[in-house]
Amino acid sequence: MSGRFIDMGYPKAVVAAALGLHRSTLYRSREKNSCREPEFDEGLAVSIRTILDQEETFGYRRVWAHLRFKEGFLVNNKESTPD
């Protein structure tokens, strides 16, 4: 809703004050709308399902460690994005 007012040319400070919001909220809400869909890696999902079928007591940290150190997957999105 606030995006329409900003697109019409109203200053962000005025829109935020009128709606009772902080200006940073307006920036954050506009960034959310422009986000891309997360990528789904089918191979990673199959590996996770296989690990969980074998080791039912594993939590997300142990699954991550198994993928990282035994199978060599880079499963942290910070590590897997190119510079």
PDB file of N, CA and C in Angstrom:
ATOM      1  N   MET A   1       0.814  -1.182   0.000  1.00  0.00           N
ATOM      2  CA  MET A   1       0.000   0.000   0.000  1.00  0.00           C
ATOM      3  C   MET A   1       0.864   1.254   0.000  1.00  0.00           C
ATOM      4  N   SER A   2       1.903   1.271   0.825  1.00  0.00           N
ATOM      5  CA  SER A   2       2.756   2.453   0.903  1.00  0.00           C
ATOM      6  C   SER A   2       3.512   2.671  -0.400  1.00  0.00           C
ATOM      7  N   GLY A   3       3.770   1.594  -1.139  1.00  0.00           N
ATOM      8  CA  GLY A   3       4.482   1.712  -2.401  1.00  0.00           C
ATOM      9  C   GLY A   3       3.750   2.566  -3.415  1.00  0.00           C
ATOM     10  N   ARG A   4       2.430   2.516  -3.398  1.00  0.00           N
ATOM     11  CA  ARG A   4       1.656   3.340  -4.328  1.00  0.00           C
ATOM     12  C   ARG A   4       1.863   4.819  -4.054  1.00  0.00           C
ATOM     13  N   PHE A   5       1.883   5.199  -2.777  1.00  0.00           N
ATOM     14  CA  PHE A   5       2.091   6.602  -2.437  1.00  0.00           C
ATOM     15  C   PHE A   5       3.483   7.063  -2.824  1.00  0.00           C
ATOM     16  N   ILE A   6       4.459   6.211  -2.609  1.00  0.00           N
ATOM     17  CA  ILE A   6       5.839   6.555  -2.975  1.00  0.00           C
ATOM     18  C   ILE A   6       5.953   6.669  -4.490  1.00  0.00           C
ATOM     19  N   ASP A   7       5.304   5.756  -5.223  1.00  0.00           N
ATOM     20  CA  ASP A   7       5.321   5.818  -6.686  1.00  0.00           C
ATOM     21  C   ASP A   7       4.632   7.070  -7.203  1.00  0.00           C
ATOM     22  N   MET A   8       3.658   7.587  -6.455  1.00  0.00           N
ATOM     23  CA  MET A   8       2.963   8.803  -6.850  1.00  0.00           C
ATOM     24  C   MET A   8       3.801  10.045  -6.586  1.00  0.00           C
ATOM     25  N   GLY A   9       4.916   9.896  -5.896  1.00  0.00           N
ATOM     26  CA  GLY A   9       5.824  11.017  -5.696  1.00  0.00           C
ATOM     27  C   GLY A   9       5.853  11.587  -4.295  1.00  0.00           C
ATOM     28  N   TYR A  10       5.114  10.993  -3.364  1.00  0.00           N
ATOM     29  CA  TYR A  10       5.151  11.470  -1.983  1.00  0.00           C
ATOM     30  C   TYR A  10       6.478  11.087  -1.353  1.00  0.00           C
ATOM     31  N   PRO A  11       7.049  11.953  -0.539  1.00  0.00           N
ATOM     32  CA  PRO A  11       8.306  11.612   0.138  1.00  0.00           C
ATOM     33  C   PRO A  11       8.113  10.442   1.105  1.00  0.00           C
ATOM     34  N   LYS A  12       9.145   9.632   1.218  1.00  0.00           N
ATOM     35  CA  LYS A  12       9.075   8.460   2.097  1.00  0.00           C
ATOM     36  C   LYS A  12       8.837   8.857   3.546  1.00  0.00           C
ATOM     37  N   ALA A  13       9.424   9.969   3.976  1.00  0.00           N
ATOM     38  CA  ALA A  13       9.249  10.410   5.355  1.00  0.00           C
ATOM     39  C   ALA A  13       7.785  10.757   5.634  1.00  0.00           C
ATOM     40  N   VAL A  14       7.120  11.391   4.666  1.00  0.00           N
ATOM     41  CA  VAL A  14       5.722  11.772   4.839  1.00  0.00           C
ATOM     42  C   VAL A  14       4.828  10.531   4.858  1.00  0.00           C
ATOM     43  N   VAL A  15       5.086   9.596   3.955  1.00  0.00           N
ATOM     44  CA  VAL A  15       4.297   8.364   3.903  1.00  0.00           C
ATOM     45  C   VAL A  15       4.473   7.572   5.186  1.00  0.00           C
ATOM     46  N   ALA A  16       5.712   7.453   5.658  1.00  0.00           N
ATOM     47  CA  ALA A  16       5.978   6.707   6.885  1.00  0.00           C
ATOM     48  C   ALA A  16       5.283   7.358   8.078  1.00  0.00           C
ATOM     49  N   ALA A  17       5.341   8.673   8.164  1.00  0.00           N
ATOM     50  CA  ALA A  17       4.697   9.366   9.287  1.00  0.00           C
ATOM     51  C   ALA A  17       3.188   9.196   9.236  1.00  0.00           C
ATOM     52  N   ALA A  18       2.609   9.270   8.040  1.00  0.00           N
ATOM     53  CA  ALA A  18       1.160   9.147   7.906  1.00  0.00           C
ATOM     54  C   ALA A  18       0.681   7.746   8.285  1.00  0.00           C
ATOM     55  N   LEU A  19       1.497   6.732   7.983  1.00  0.00           N
ATOM     56  CA  LEU A  19       1.114   5.348   8.282  1.00  0.00           C
ATOM     57  C   LEU A  19       1.588   4.886   9.658  1.00  0.00           C
ATOM     58  N   GLY A  20       2.359   5.731  10.339  1.00  0.00           N
ATOM     59  CA  GLY A  20       2.863   5.365  11.656  1.00  0.00           C
ATOM     60  C   GLY A  20       3.963   4.325  11.599  1.00  0.00           C
ATOM     61  N   LEU A  21       4.780   4.391  10.563  1.00  0.00           N
ATOM     62  CA  LEU A  21       5.867   3.431  10.381  1.00  0.00           C
ATOM     63  C   LEU A  21       7.207   4.147  10.416  1.00  0.00           C
ATOM     64  N   HIS A  22       8.264   3.380  10.624  1.00  0.00           N
ATOM     65  CA  HIS A  22       9.605   3.907  10.461  1.00  0.00           C
ATOM     66  C   HIS A  22       9.945   3.898   8.976  1.00  0.00           C
ATOM     67  N   ARG A  23      10.797   4.839   8.565  1.00  0.00           N
ATOM     68  CA  ARG A  23      11.181   4.884   7.148  1.00  0.00           C
ATOM     69  C   ARG A  23      11.874   3.606   6.701  1.00  0.00           C
ATOM     70  N   SER A  24      12.657   3.003   7.582  1.00  0.00           N
ATOM     71  CA  SER A  24      13.370   1.781   7.208  1.00  0.00           C
ATOM     72  C   SER A  24      12.408   0.658   6.837  1.00  0.00           C
ATOM     73  N   THR A  25      11.223   0.658   7.424  1.00  0.00           N
ATOM     74  CA  THR A  25      10.221  -0.350   7.095  1.00  0.00           C
ATOM     75  C   THR A  25       9.783  -0.219   5.645  1.00  0.00           C
ATOM     76  N   LEU A  26       9.702   1.004   5.151  1.00  0.00           N
ATOM     77  CA  LEU A  26       9.310   1.211   3.759  1.00  0.00           C
ATOM     78  C   LEU A  26      10.357   0.654   2.810  1.00  0.00           C
ATOM     79  N   TYR A  27      11.626   0.852   3.127  1.00  0.00           N
ATOM     80  CA  TYR A  27      12.682   0.312   2.279  1.00  0.00           C
ATOM     81  C   TYR A  27      12.658  -1.210   2.308  1.00  0.00           C
ATOM     82  N   ARG A  28      12.483  -1.770   3.493  1.00  0.00           N
ATOM     83  CA  ARG A  28      12.469  -3.217   3.639  1.00  0.00           C
ATOM     84  C   ARG A  28      11.305  -3.838   2.886  1.00  0.00           C
ATOM     85  N   SER A  29      10.133  -3.231   2.969  1.00  0.00           N
ATOM     86  CA  SER A  29       8.959  -3.808   2.312  1.00  0.00           C
ATOM     87  C   SER A  29       9.086  -3.738   0.797  1.00  0.00           C
ATOM     88  N   ARG A  30       9.735  -2.723   0.260  1.00  0.00           N
ATOM     89  CA  ARG A  30       9.916  -2.633  -1.196  1.00  0.00           C
ATOM     90  C   ARG A  30      10.957  -3.638  -1.666  1.00  0.00           C
ATOM     91  N   GLU A  31      11.972  -3.916  -0.831  1.00  0.00           N
ATOM     92  CA  GLU A  31      12.971  -4.915  -1.195  1.00  0.00           C
ATOM     93  C   GLU A  31      12.364  -6.305  -1.236  1.00  0.00           C
ATOM     94  N   LYS A  32      11.424  -6.605  -0.330  1.00  0.00           N
ATOM     95  CA  LYS A  32      10.799  -7.924  -0.299  1.00  0.00           C
ATOM     96  C   LYS A  32      10.061  -8.204  -1.593  1.00  0.00           C
ATOM     97  N   ASN A  33       9.414  -7.200  -2.142  1.00  0.00           N
ATOM     98  CA  ASN A  33       8.635  -7.395  -3.354  1.00  0.00           C
ATOM     99  C   ASN A  33       9.512  -7.691  -4.561  1.00  0.00           C
ATOM    100  N   SER A  34      10.769  -7.259  -4.523  1.00  0.00           N
ATOM    101  CA  SER A  34      11.636  -7.457  -5.670  1.00  0.00           C
ATOM    102  C   SER A  34      12.548  -8.676  -5.516  1.00  0.00           C
ATOM    103  N   CYS A  35      12.361  -9.454  -4.459  1.00  0.00           N
ATOM    104  CA  CYS A  35      13.200 -10.629  -4.235  1.00  0.00           C
ATOM    105  C   CYS A  35      12.893 -11.712  -5.264  1.00  0.00           C
ATOM    106  N   ARG A  36      13.911 -12.471  -5.590  1.00  0.00           N
ATOM    107  CA  ARG A  36      13.708 -13.577  -6.514  1.00  0.00           C
ATOM    108  C   ARG A  36      13.372 -14.835  -5.739  1.00  0.00           C
ATOM    109  N   GLU A  37      12.795 -15.773  -6.406  1.00  0.00           N
ATOM    110  CA  GLU A  37      12.440 -17.046  -5.782  1.00  0.00           C
ATOM    111  C   GLU A  37      13.711 -17.807  -5.426  1.00  0.00           C
ATOM    112  N   PRO A  38      13.752 -18.466  -4.280  1.00  0.00           N
ATOM    113  CA  PRO A  38      14.917 -19.270  -3.939  1.00  0.00           C
ATOM    114  C   PRO A  38      15.046 -20.467  -4.885  1.00  0.00           C
ATOM    115  N   GLU A  39      16.280 -20.812  -5.171  1.00  0.00           N
ATOM    116  CA  GLU A  39      16.527 -21.938  -6.066  1.00  0.00           C
ATOM    117  C   GLU A  39      16.339 -23.246  -5.312  1.00  0.00           C
ATOM    118  N   PHE A  40      15.796 -24.233  -5.990  1.00  0.00           N
ATOM    119  CA  PHE A  40      15.577 -25.542  -5.386  1.00  0.00           C
ATOM    120  C   PHE A  40      16.537 -26.518  -6.040  1.00  0.00           C
ATOM    121  N   ASP A  41      17.371 -27.154  -5.243  1.00  0.00           N
ATOM    122  CA  ASP A  41      18.358 -28.109  -5.738  1.00  0.00           C
ATOM    123  C   ASP A  41      17.825 -29.515  -5.478  1.00  0.00           C
ATOM    124  N   GLU A  42      17.389 -30.175  -6.530  1.00  0.00           N
ATOM    125  CA  GLU A  42      16.790 -31.509  -6.408  1.00  0.00           C
ATOM    126  C   GLU A  42      17.798 -32.525  -5.867  1.00  0.00           C
ATOM    127  N   GLY A  43      19.047 -32.436  -6.309  1.00  0.00           N
ATOM    128  CA  GLY A  43      20.073 -33.369  -5.838  1.00  0.00           C
ATOM    129  C   GLY A  43      20.335 -33.231  -4.348  1.00  0.00           C
ATOM    130  N   LEU A  44      20.349 -31.996  -3.869  1.00  0.00           N
ATOM    131  CA  LEU A  44      20.546 -31.749  -2.448  1.00  0.00           C
ATOM    132  C   LEU A  44      19.371 -32.282  -1.643  1.00  0.00           C
ATOM    133  N   ALA A  45      18.163 -32.096  -2.143  1.00  0.00           N
ATOM    134  CA  ALA A  45      16.975 -32.593  -1.440  1.00  0.00           C
ATOM    135  C   ALA A  45      16.987 -34.118  -1.345  1.00  0.00           C
ATOM    136  N   VAL A  46      17.413 -34.771  -2.407  1.00  0.00           N
ATOM    137  CA  VAL A  46      17.495 -36.234  -2.393  1.00  0.00           C
ATOM    138  C   VAL A  46      18.555 -36.688  -1.394  1.00  0.00           C
ATOM    139  N   SER A  47      19.685 -35.997  -1.349  1.00  0.00           N
ATOM    140  CA  SER A  47      20.738 -36.350  -0.401  1.00  0.00           C
ATOM    141  C   SER A  47      20.265 -36.188   1.036  1.00  0.00           C
ATOM    142  N   ILE A  48      19.555 -35.110   1.309  1.00  0.00           N
ATOM    143  CA  ILE A  48      19.033 -34.878   2.659  1.00  0.00           C
ATOM    144  C   ILE A  48      18.049 -35.975   3.037  1.00  0.00           C
ATOM    145  N   ARG A  49      17.156 -36.325   2.114  1.00  0.00           N
ATOM    146  CA  ARG A  49      16.165 -37.380   2.397  1.00  0.00           C
ATOM    147  C   ARG A  49      16.864 -38.705   2.648  1.00  0.00           C
ATOM    148  N   THR A  50      17.921 -39.009   1.897  1.00  0.00           N
ATOM    149  CA  THR A  50      18.662 -40.258   2.078  1.00  0.00           C
ATOM    150  C   THR A  50      19.317 -40.299   3.459  1.00  0.00           C
ATOM    151  N   ILE A  51      19.943 -39.191   3.860  1.00  0.00           N
ATOM    152  CA  ILE A  51      20.588 -39.119   5.178  1.00  0.00           C
ATOM    153  C   ILE A  51      19.556 -39.317   6.279  1.00  0.00           C
ATOM    154  N   LEU A  52      18.414 -38.646   6.160  1.00  0.00           N
ATOM    155  CA  LEU A  52      17.392 -38.741   7.198  1.00  0.00           C
ATOM    156  C   LEU A  52      16.747 -40.121   7.245  1.00  0.00           C
ATOM    157  N   ASP A  53      16.685 -40.811   6.109  1.00  0.00           N
ATOM    158  CA  ASP A  53      16.157 -42.171   6.116  1.00  0.00           C
ATOM    159  C   ASP A  53      17.120 -43.127   6.825  1.00  0.00           C
ATOM    160  N   GLN A  54      18.429 -42.888   6.670  1.00  0.00           N
ATOM    161  CA  GLN A  54      19.425 -43.739   7.312  1.00  0.00           C
ATOM    162  C   GLN A  54      19.606 -43.402   8.786  1.00  0.00           C
ATOM    163  N   GLU A  55      19.623 -42.138   9.093  1.00  0.00           N
ATOM    164  CA  GLU A  55      19.882 -41.656  10.459  1.00  0.00           C
ATOM    165  C   GLU A  55      18.695 -40.822  10.925  1.00  0.00           C
ATOM    166  N   GLU A  56      17.705 -41.465  11.483  1.00  0.00           N
ATOM    167  CA  GLU A  56      16.465 -40.793  11.852  1.00  0.00           C
ATOM    168  C   GLU A  56      16.634 -39.774  12.968  1.00  0.00           C
ATOM    169  N   THR A  57      17.685 -39.893  13.758  1.00  0.00           N
ATOM    170  CA  THR A  57      17.865 -38.989  14.894  1.00  0.00           C
ATOM    171  C   THR A  57      18.665 -37.744  14.537  1.00  0.00           C
ATOM    172  N   PHE A  58      19.110 -37.622  13.319  1.00  0.00           N
ATOM    173  CA  PHE A  58      19.896 -36.455  12.922  1.00  0.00           C
ATOM    174  C   PHE A  58      19.016 -35.219  12.874  1.00  0.00           C
ATOM    175  N   GLY A  59      19.537 -34.124  13.398  1.00  0.00           N
ATOM    176  CA  GLY A  59      18.898 -32.827  13.272  1.00  0.00           C
ATOM    177  C   GLY A  59      19.532 -32.072  12.111  1.00  0.00           C
ATOM    178  N   TYR A  60      19.157 -30.811  11.958  1.00  0.00           N
ATOM    179  CA  TYR A  60      19.660 -30.056  10.813  1.00  0.00           C
ATOM    180  C   TYR A  60      21.162 -29.813  10.880  1.00  0.00           C
ATOM    181  N   ARG A  61      21.718 -29.696  12.090  1.00  0.00           N
ATOM    182  CA  ARG A  61      23.160 -29.458  12.192  1.00  0.00           C
ATOM    183  C   ARG A  61      23.961 -30.687  11.789  1.00  0.00           C
ATOM    184  N   ARG A  62      23.505 -31.867  12.203  1.00  0.00           N
ATOM    185  CA  ARG A  62      24.222 -33.093  11.841  1.00  0.00           C
ATOM    186  C   ARG A  62      24.053 -33.393  10.351  1.00  0.00           C
ATOM    187  N   VAL A  63      22.873 -33.085   9.807  1.00  0.00           N
ATOM    188  CA  VAL A  63      22.669 -33.272   8.368  1.00  0.00           C
ATOM    189  C   VAL A  63      23.607 -32.347   7.610  1.00  0.00           C
ATOM    190  N   TRP A  64      23.708 -31.084   8.054  1.00  0.00           N
ATOM    191  CA  TRP A  64      24.613 -30.136   7.406  1.00  0.00           C
ATOM    192  C   TRP A  64      26.049 -30.641   7.451  1.00  0.00           C
ATOM    193  N   ALA A  65      26.498 -31.111   8.624  1.00  0.00           N
ATOM    194  CA  ALA A  65      27.866 -31.596   8.769  1.00  0.00           C
ATOM    195  C   ALA A  65      28.117 -32.805   7.873  1.00  0.00           C
ATOM    196  N   HIS A  66      27.153 -33.695   7.785  1.00  0.00           N
ATOM    197  CA  HIS A  66      27.296 -34.876   6.924  1.00  0.00           C
ATOM    198  C   HIS A  66      27.425 -34.436   5.457  1.00  0.00           C
ATOM    199  N   LEU A  67      26.562 -33.533   5.037  1.00  0.00           N
ATOM    200  CA  LEU A  67      26.623 -33.060   3.659  1.00  0.00           C
ATOM    201  C   LEU A  67      27.927 -32.336   3.379  1.00  0.00           C
ATOM    202  N   ARG A  68      28.358 -31.515   4.308  1.00  0.00           N
ATOM    203  CA  ARG A  68      29.542 -30.679   4.102  1.00  0.00           C
ATOM    204  C   ARG A  68      30.825 -31.496   4.107  1.00  0.00           C
ATOM    205  N   PHE A  69      30.984 -32.355   5.100  1.00  0.00           N
ATOM    206  CA  PHE A  69      32.271 -32.996   5.288  1.00  0.00           C
ATOM    207  C   PHE A  69      32.368 -34.404   4.702  1.00  0.00           C
ATOM    208  N   LYS A  70      31.267 -35.113   4.586  1.00  0.00           N
ATOM    209  CA  LYS A  70      31.335 -36.464   4.034  1.00  0.00           C
ATOM    210  C   LYS A  70      30.990 -36.508   2.552  1.00  0.00           C
ATOM    211  N   GLU A  71      30.077 -35.640   2.120  1.00  0.00           N
ATOM    212  CA  GLU A  71      29.674 -35.665   0.716  1.00  0.00           C
ATOM    213  C   GLU A  71      30.225 -34.492  -0.093  1.00  0.00           C
ATOM    214  N   GLY A  72      30.782 -33.493   0.576  1.00  0.00           N
ATOM    215  CA  GLY A  72      31.418 -32.380  -0.118  1.00  0.00           C
ATOM    216  C   GLY A  72      30.477 -31.328  -0.678  1.00  0.00           C
ATOM    217  N   PHE A  73      29.221 -31.309  -0.235  1.00  0.00           N
ATOM    218  CA  PHE A  73      28.279 -30.284  -0.686  1.00  0.00           C
ATOM    219  C   PHE A  73      28.607 -28.959  -0.012  1.00  0.00           C
ATOM    220  N   LEU A  74      28.496 -27.857  -0.752  1.00  0.00           N
ATOM    221  CA  LEU A  74      28.547 -26.529  -0.161  1.00  0.00           C
ATOM    222  C   LEU A  74      27.097 -26.106   0.042  1.00  0.00           C
ATOM    223  N   VAL A  75      26.605 -26.262   1.261  1.00  0.00           N
ATOM    224  CA  VAL A  75      25.190 -26.057   1.504  1.00  0.00           C
ATOM    225  C   VAL A  75      24.871 -24.708   2.128  1.00  0.00           C
ATOM    226  N   ASN A  76      25.857 -23.894   2.411  1.00  0.00           N
ATOM    227  CA  ASN A  76      25.626 -22.556   2.944  1.00  0.00           C
ATOM    228  C   ASN A  76      25.482 -21.598   1.773  1.00  0.00           C
ATOM    229  N   ASN A  77      24.384 -20.843   1.713  1.00  0.00           N
ATOM    230  CA  ASN A  77      24.172 -19.993   0.565  1.00  0.00           C
ATOM    231  C   ASN A  77      25.240 -18.926   0.427  1.00  0.00           C
ATOM    232  N   LYS A  78      25.933 -18.558   1.491  1.00  0.00           N
ATOM    233  CA  LYS A  78      27.016 -17.585   1.398  1.00  0.00           C
ATOM    234  C   LYS A  78      28.225 -18.190   0.708  1.00  0.00           C
ATOM    235  N   GLU A  79      28.438 -19.484   0.891  1.00  0.00           N
ATOM    236  CA  GLU A  79      29.579 -20.144   0.280  1.00  0.00           C
ATOM    237  C   GLU A  79      29.322 -20.500  -1.171  1.00  0.00           C
ATOM    238  N   SER A  80      28.062 -20.746  -1.514  1.00  0.00           N
ATOM    239  CA  SER A  80      27.783 -21.267  -2.847  1.00  0.00           C
ATOM    240  C   SER A  80      27.509 -20.181  -3.876  1.00  0.00           C
ATOM    241  N   THR A  81      27.391 -18.910  -3.450  1.00  0.00           N
ATOM    242  CA  THR A  81      27.138 -17.856  -4.426  1.00  0.00           C
ATOM    243  C   THR A  81      28.451 -17.365  -4.988  1.00  0.00           C
ATOM    244  N   PRO A  82      28.541 -17.182  -6.309  1.00  0.00           N
ATOM    245  CA  PRO A  82      29.784 -16.696  -6.906  1.00  0.00           C
ATOM    246  C   PRO A  82      30.034 -15.235  -6.568  1.00  0.00           C
ATOM    247  N   ASP A  83      31.301 -14.837  -6.512  1.00  0.00           N
ATOM    248  CA  ASP A  83      31.646 -13.443  -6.218  1.00  0.00           C
ATOM    249  C   ASP A  83      31.387 -12.537  -7.385  1.00  0.00           C
TER     250      ASP A  83
END
